[in-house]
N, C-alpha and C. Protein backbone atom coordinates (compact mmCIF):
# COMPACT_ATOMS: atom_id res chain seq x y z
N MET A 1 -15.08 12.84 -29.99
CA MET A 1 -16.36 12.33 -29.61
C MET A 1 -16.54 12.52 -28.16
N GLU A 2 -17.75 13.05 -27.83
CA GLU A 2 -18.10 13.35 -26.38
C GLU A 2 -18.42 11.99 -25.65
N LEU A 3 -18.23 12.09 -24.34
CA LEU A 3 -18.64 10.99 -23.45
C LEU A 3 -20.11 10.93 -23.36
N PRO A 4 -20.63 9.68 -23.33
CA PRO A 4 -22.11 9.53 -23.20
C PRO A 4 -22.55 10.23 -21.92
N GLU A 5 -23.78 10.79 -21.87
CA GLU A 5 -24.19 11.67 -20.77
C GLU A 5 -24.10 11.03 -19.43
N LEU A 6 -24.54 9.83 -19.25
CA LEU A 6 -24.51 9.15 -17.90
C LEU A 6 -23.06 8.87 -17.50
N LEU A 7 -22.22 8.55 -18.44
CA LEU A 7 -20.84 8.31 -18.14
C LEU A 7 -20.19 9.67 -17.73
N ARG A 8 -20.51 10.64 -18.42
CA ARG A 8 -19.92 12.04 -18.09
C ARG A 8 -20.39 12.44 -16.66
N LYS A 9 -21.61 12.17 -16.25
CA LYS A 9 -22.03 12.55 -14.93
C LYS A 9 -21.24 11.74 -13.89
N SER A 10 -20.98 10.46 -14.12
CA SER A 10 -20.32 9.61 -13.22
C SER A 10 -18.86 9.97 -13.10
N VAL A 11 -18.25 10.44 -14.22
CA VAL A 11 -16.90 10.81 -14.25
C VAL A 11 -16.73 12.17 -13.51
N ASP A 12 -17.70 13.09 -13.70
CA ASP A 12 -17.70 14.41 -12.91
C ASP A 12 -17.74 14.06 -11.39
N LYS A 13 -18.73 13.21 -11.05
CA LYS A 13 -18.78 12.88 -9.58
C LYS A 13 -17.51 12.28 -9.04
N LEU A 14 -16.93 11.36 -9.73
CA LEU A 14 -15.73 10.62 -9.28
C LEU A 14 -14.55 11.71 -9.18
N LEU A 15 -14.39 12.43 -10.22
CA LEU A 15 -13.24 13.38 -10.16
C LEU A 15 -13.40 14.53 -9.27
N ASP A 16 -14.61 15.02 -9.09
CA ASP A 16 -14.96 16.03 -8.12
C ASP A 16 -14.52 15.53 -6.70
N ALA A 17 -14.96 14.36 -6.45
CA ALA A 17 -14.64 13.75 -5.05
C ALA A 17 -13.10 13.56 -4.96
N TYR A 18 -12.43 13.12 -6.01
CA TYR A 18 -11.03 12.86 -6.01
C TYR A 18 -10.32 14.20 -5.80
N CYS A 19 -10.64 15.22 -6.47
CA CYS A 19 -9.90 16.48 -6.32
C CYS A 19 -10.19 17.11 -4.94
N ALA A 20 -11.37 16.93 -4.42
CA ALA A 20 -11.63 17.51 -3.15
C ALA A 20 -10.92 16.79 -2.00
N THR A 21 -10.64 15.55 -2.14
CA THR A 21 -10.03 14.77 -0.98
C THR A 21 -8.46 14.64 -1.22
N HIS A 22 -7.97 14.93 -2.33
CA HIS A 22 -6.53 14.79 -2.63
C HIS A 22 -5.82 16.13 -2.77
N LEU A 23 -5.05 16.41 -1.77
CA LEU A 23 -4.21 17.66 -1.87
C LEU A 23 -2.98 17.33 -2.63
N SER A 24 -2.64 18.38 -3.43
CA SER A 24 -1.41 18.12 -4.22
C SER A 24 -0.17 18.29 -3.29
N ALA A 25 1.01 18.05 -3.85
CA ALA A 25 2.26 17.97 -2.99
C ALA A 25 2.61 19.39 -2.47
N GLY A 26 2.03 20.43 -2.92
CA GLY A 26 2.40 21.74 -2.53
C GLY A 26 1.82 22.08 -1.11
N LEU A 27 2.06 23.31 -0.63
CA LEU A 27 1.53 23.67 0.68
C LEU A 27 0.08 23.82 0.61
N PRO A 28 -0.65 23.55 1.66
CA PRO A 28 -2.07 23.70 1.68
C PRO A 28 -2.47 25.18 1.42
N GLY A 29 -3.39 25.45 0.56
CA GLY A 29 -3.77 26.77 0.23
C GLY A 29 -3.02 27.35 -0.87
N HIS A 30 -1.97 26.76 -1.29
CA HIS A 30 -1.11 27.32 -2.44
C HIS A 30 -1.41 26.56 -3.68
N SER A 31 -1.94 25.41 -3.60
CA SER A 31 -2.19 24.61 -4.76
C SER A 31 -3.53 23.89 -4.67
N ARG A 32 -4.04 23.48 -5.85
CA ARG A 32 -5.28 22.68 -5.80
C ARG A 32 -5.27 21.76 -7.00
N LEU A 33 -6.10 20.78 -6.85
CA LEU A 33 -6.27 19.76 -7.93
C LEU A 33 -7.61 19.97 -8.59
N THR A 34 -7.59 19.94 -9.91
CA THR A 34 -8.85 20.17 -10.62
C THR A 34 -8.75 19.22 -11.92
N TYR A 35 -9.78 19.34 -12.75
CA TYR A 35 -9.79 18.60 -13.95
C TYR A 35 -10.58 19.22 -15.03
N ARG A 36 -10.37 18.78 -16.28
CA ARG A 36 -11.05 19.28 -17.43
C ARG A 36 -11.42 18.08 -18.30
N ILE A 37 -12.67 18.09 -18.81
CA ILE A 37 -13.14 17.04 -19.71
C ILE A 37 -13.31 17.72 -21.11
N SER A 38 -12.69 17.09 -22.07
CA SER A 38 -12.87 17.51 -23.41
C SER A 38 -12.96 16.26 -24.34
N GLY A 39 -14.13 16.16 -24.98
CA GLY A 39 -14.39 15.08 -25.84
C GLY A 39 -14.40 13.79 -24.98
N SER A 40 -13.56 12.83 -25.28
CA SER A 40 -13.55 11.62 -24.53
C SER A 40 -12.34 11.49 -23.62
N ARG A 41 -11.82 12.66 -23.23
CA ARG A 41 -10.62 12.77 -22.40
C ARG A 41 -10.87 13.52 -21.15
N ALA A 42 -10.39 13.01 -20.04
CA ALA A 42 -10.47 13.83 -18.76
C ALA A 42 -9.06 14.03 -18.26
N THR A 43 -8.68 15.23 -18.05
CA THR A 43 -7.31 15.58 -17.67
C THR A 43 -7.27 16.08 -16.31
N LEU A 44 -6.42 15.44 -15.41
CA LEU A 44 -6.26 15.95 -14.05
C LEU A 44 -5.21 16.95 -14.11
N ILE A 45 -5.49 18.06 -13.40
CA ILE A 45 -4.51 19.24 -13.47
C ILE A 45 -4.25 19.78 -12.01
N GLU A 46 -2.93 20.14 -11.80
CA GLU A 46 -2.55 20.78 -10.60
C GLU A 46 -2.38 22.23 -10.88
N GLU A 47 -2.98 23.08 -10.11
CA GLU A 47 -2.86 24.56 -10.25
C GLU A 47 -2.11 24.97 -8.96
N GLU A 48 -1.02 25.68 -9.18
CA GLU A 48 -0.19 26.16 -8.05
C GLU A 48 -0.18 27.68 -8.07
N PHE A 49 -0.57 28.31 -6.95
CA PHE A 49 -0.63 29.76 -6.81
C PHE A 49 0.64 30.22 -6.20
N SER A 50 1.23 31.36 -6.74
CA SER A 50 2.52 31.81 -6.28
C SER A 50 2.42 32.35 -4.75
N CYS A 51 1.34 32.71 -4.32
CA CYS A 51 1.11 33.05 -2.92
C CYS A 51 -0.33 32.97 -2.51
N PRO A 52 -0.67 32.93 -1.21
CA PRO A 52 -2.09 32.77 -0.87
C PRO A 52 -2.88 34.09 -1.35
N GLY A 53 -3.95 33.90 -1.92
CA GLY A 53 -4.76 34.98 -2.33
C GLY A 53 -4.31 35.51 -3.76
N CYS A 54 -3.17 35.11 -4.27
CA CYS A 54 -2.67 35.61 -5.52
C CYS A 54 -3.51 34.96 -6.72
N ARG A 55 -3.62 35.74 -7.83
CA ARG A 55 -4.28 35.22 -9.01
C ARG A 55 -3.34 34.49 -9.97
N ARG A 56 -2.05 34.84 -9.85
CA ARG A 56 -1.00 34.18 -10.81
C ARG A 56 -0.87 32.78 -10.33
N ARG A 57 -0.95 31.91 -11.37
CA ARG A 57 -0.85 30.49 -11.06
C ARG A 57 -0.04 29.71 -12.14
N THR A 58 0.43 28.62 -11.82
CA THR A 58 1.12 27.72 -12.75
C THR A 58 0.19 26.55 -12.88
N VAL A 59 -0.10 26.13 -14.07
CA VAL A 59 -0.93 25.00 -14.37
C VAL A 59 -0.06 23.84 -14.94
N ARG A 60 -0.22 22.64 -14.21
CA ARG A 60 0.60 21.47 -14.71
C ARG A 60 -0.30 20.32 -14.90
N PRO A 61 -0.29 19.72 -16.08
CA PRO A 61 -1.06 18.51 -16.28
C PRO A 61 -0.49 17.37 -15.48
N VAL A 62 -1.29 16.58 -14.82
CA VAL A 62 -0.87 15.55 -13.95
C VAL A 62 -1.03 14.10 -14.65
N ALA A 63 -2.31 13.92 -15.15
CA ALA A 63 -2.67 12.58 -15.71
C ALA A 63 -3.86 12.87 -16.65
N GLN A 64 -3.89 11.94 -17.65
CA GLN A 64 -5.06 12.03 -18.64
C GLN A 64 -5.67 10.62 -18.72
N PHE A 65 -7.00 10.62 -18.67
CA PHE A 65 -7.79 9.45 -18.76
C PHE A 65 -8.52 9.44 -20.09
N ARG A 66 -8.31 8.49 -20.91
CA ARG A 66 -8.95 8.44 -22.21
C ARG A 66 -9.98 7.33 -22.31
N TYR A 67 -11.13 7.68 -22.69
CA TYR A 67 -12.25 6.69 -22.88
C TYR A 67 -12.29 6.17 -24.33
N HIS A 68 -12.28 4.91 -24.42
CA HIS A 68 -12.27 4.28 -25.77
C HIS A 68 -13.73 3.63 -25.89
N ARG A 69 -14.54 4.44 -26.66
CA ARG A 69 -15.97 4.03 -26.71
C ARG A 69 -16.16 2.62 -27.23
N GLU A 70 -15.49 2.23 -28.29
CA GLU A 70 -15.63 0.89 -28.84
C GLU A 70 -15.35 -0.27 -27.87
N LEU A 71 -14.46 0.03 -27.00
CA LEU A 71 -14.06 -1.04 -25.97
C LEU A 71 -14.70 -0.72 -24.60
N THR A 72 -15.34 0.37 -24.44
CA THR A 72 -15.96 0.84 -23.13
C THR A 72 -14.85 0.78 -22.03
N GLN A 73 -13.59 1.20 -22.31
CA GLN A 73 -12.51 1.09 -21.41
C GLN A 73 -11.82 2.49 -21.32
N TRP A 74 -11.14 2.62 -20.19
CA TRP A 74 -10.32 3.78 -19.93
C TRP A 74 -8.92 3.46 -20.02
N SER A 75 -8.07 4.38 -20.46
CA SER A 75 -6.61 4.14 -20.42
C SER A 75 -6.00 5.36 -19.70
N LEU A 76 -4.77 5.13 -19.20
CA LEU A 76 -4.17 6.18 -18.35
C LEU A 76 -2.89 6.63 -19.18
N HIS A 77 -2.70 7.99 -19.11
CA HIS A 77 -1.58 8.57 -19.80
C HIS A 77 -0.86 9.65 -18.96
N TYR A 78 0.41 9.79 -19.01
CA TYR A 78 1.21 10.76 -18.35
C TYR A 78 1.74 11.79 -19.27
N TYR A 79 2.02 12.98 -18.73
CA TYR A 79 2.44 14.07 -19.55
C TYR A 79 4.06 14.22 -19.67
N LEU A 80 4.45 14.29 -20.89
CA LEU A 80 5.91 14.50 -21.19
C LEU A 80 6.11 15.98 -21.37
N GLY A 81 6.43 16.62 -20.19
CA GLY A 81 6.50 18.13 -20.24
C GLY A 81 7.50 18.68 -21.26
N GLU A 82 8.62 18.09 -21.36
CA GLU A 82 9.70 18.59 -22.24
C GLU A 82 9.18 18.44 -23.74
N ARG A 83 8.40 17.48 -24.01
CA ARG A 83 7.90 17.27 -25.46
C ARG A 83 6.43 17.79 -25.63
N ARG A 84 5.80 18.21 -24.50
CA ARG A 84 4.39 18.65 -24.55
C ARG A 84 3.50 17.66 -25.23
N ALA A 85 3.63 16.41 -24.83
CA ALA A 85 2.90 15.40 -25.35
C ALA A 85 2.40 14.37 -24.31
N TRP A 86 1.46 13.56 -24.55
CA TRP A 86 1.00 12.51 -23.70
C TRP A 86 1.57 11.20 -24.06
N ALA A 87 1.86 10.33 -23.15
CA ALA A 87 2.32 8.89 -23.47
C ALA A 87 1.47 7.96 -22.62
N PHE A 88 1.25 6.87 -23.15
CA PHE A 88 0.47 5.73 -22.53
C PHE A 88 1.27 5.21 -21.29
N TYR A 89 0.67 5.07 -20.17
CA TYR A 89 1.28 4.67 -18.92
C TYR A 89 1.24 3.05 -18.95
N LEU A 90 2.41 2.47 -19.17
CA LEU A 90 2.48 1.05 -19.39
C LEU A 90 2.30 0.19 -18.09
N ASN A 91 2.33 0.87 -16.91
CA ASN A 91 2.20 0.17 -15.64
C ASN A 91 0.77 -0.13 -15.30
N CYS A 92 -0.17 0.33 -16.08
CA CYS A 92 -1.64 0.08 -15.88
C CYS A 92 -2.36 -0.13 -17.15
N GLY A 93 -2.86 -1.26 -17.31
CA GLY A 93 -3.52 -1.55 -18.59
C GLY A 93 -4.97 -0.94 -18.58
N PRO A 94 -5.65 -0.84 -19.78
CA PRO A 94 -6.95 -0.28 -19.84
C PRO A 94 -7.90 -1.01 -18.82
N SER A 95 -8.93 -0.24 -18.37
CA SER A 95 -9.86 -0.81 -17.45
C SER A 95 -11.29 -0.30 -17.68
N LEU A 96 -12.22 -1.01 -17.32
CA LEU A 96 -13.63 -0.57 -17.42
C LEU A 96 -13.91 0.45 -16.30
N ASN A 97 -13.08 0.41 -15.25
CA ASN A 97 -13.31 1.09 -14.06
C ASN A 97 -12.33 2.23 -13.88
N LEU A 98 -12.82 3.50 -13.97
CA LEU A 98 -11.92 4.68 -13.91
C LEU A 98 -11.40 4.83 -12.45
N ALA A 99 -12.13 4.48 -11.46
CA ALA A 99 -11.64 4.51 -10.13
C ALA A 99 -10.45 3.67 -9.88
N LYS A 100 -10.40 2.52 -10.46
CA LYS A 100 -9.31 1.55 -10.43
C LYS A 100 -8.02 2.32 -11.01
N ILE A 101 -8.18 3.00 -12.16
CA ILE A 101 -7.07 3.62 -12.78
C ILE A 101 -6.60 4.86 -11.85
N LEU A 102 -7.56 5.50 -11.20
CA LEU A 102 -7.12 6.60 -10.33
C LEU A 102 -6.23 6.10 -9.14
N HIS A 103 -6.34 4.86 -8.71
CA HIS A 103 -5.49 4.26 -7.72
C HIS A 103 -4.01 4.14 -8.22
N HIS A 104 -3.80 3.95 -9.54
CA HIS A 104 -2.49 3.94 -10.07
C HIS A 104 -1.77 5.35 -10.09
N VAL A 105 -2.73 6.40 -10.23
CA VAL A 105 -2.19 7.77 -10.13
C VAL A 105 -1.67 8.03 -8.69
N ASP A 106 -2.44 7.57 -7.77
CA ASP A 106 -2.02 7.74 -6.35
C ASP A 106 -0.82 6.98 -6.02
N ALA A 107 -0.75 5.73 -6.39
CA ALA A 107 0.49 4.91 -6.05
C ALA A 107 1.72 5.47 -6.74
N ASP A 108 1.63 5.74 -7.99
CA ASP A 108 2.73 6.36 -8.74
C ASP A 108 4.09 5.77 -8.42
N PRO A 109 4.35 4.53 -8.51
CA PRO A 109 5.73 4.00 -8.18
C PRO A 109 6.81 4.43 -9.11
N LEU A 110 6.50 4.87 -10.30
CA LEU A 110 7.56 5.32 -11.24
C LEU A 110 7.71 6.81 -11.23
N ARG A 111 6.94 7.60 -10.38
CA ARG A 111 7.03 9.07 -10.25
C ARG A 111 6.80 9.68 -11.61
N MET A 112 5.72 9.23 -12.32
CA MET A 112 5.36 9.84 -13.60
C MET A 112 4.34 10.95 -13.45
N PHE A 113 3.54 10.99 -12.37
CA PHE A 113 2.50 11.89 -12.25
C PHE A 113 2.81 13.01 -11.21
N TRP A 114 3.24 12.63 -10.02
CA TRP A 114 3.53 13.65 -9.05
C TRP A 114 5.03 13.96 -9.02
N VAL A 115 5.38 15.06 -9.50
CA VAL A 115 6.79 15.43 -9.61
C VAL A 115 7.30 16.15 -8.26
């Protein structure tokens, strides 16, 4: 199920700003943060380029935000790379505010998002 139009616009605005102001852990110019929205899920993605100006890149999922329409809440999930699956992040409960959940991705005390 797709995000409601107004919610989609606010999510785009929030994640555009987040990606523009948050550099990933790699060297500047070698990696960037982006996102994809599919249905009711927004996935934060790190793209790492092998060298400046190169087209070859490695794409790594960082975090996934899932919108639960019936509850009008967001939940946070982290990627289990070895299993290629997403798991619910227990250190942050569902929230009406996606920006609040983004703060948990930044803090990342359990090192689940930023490897």
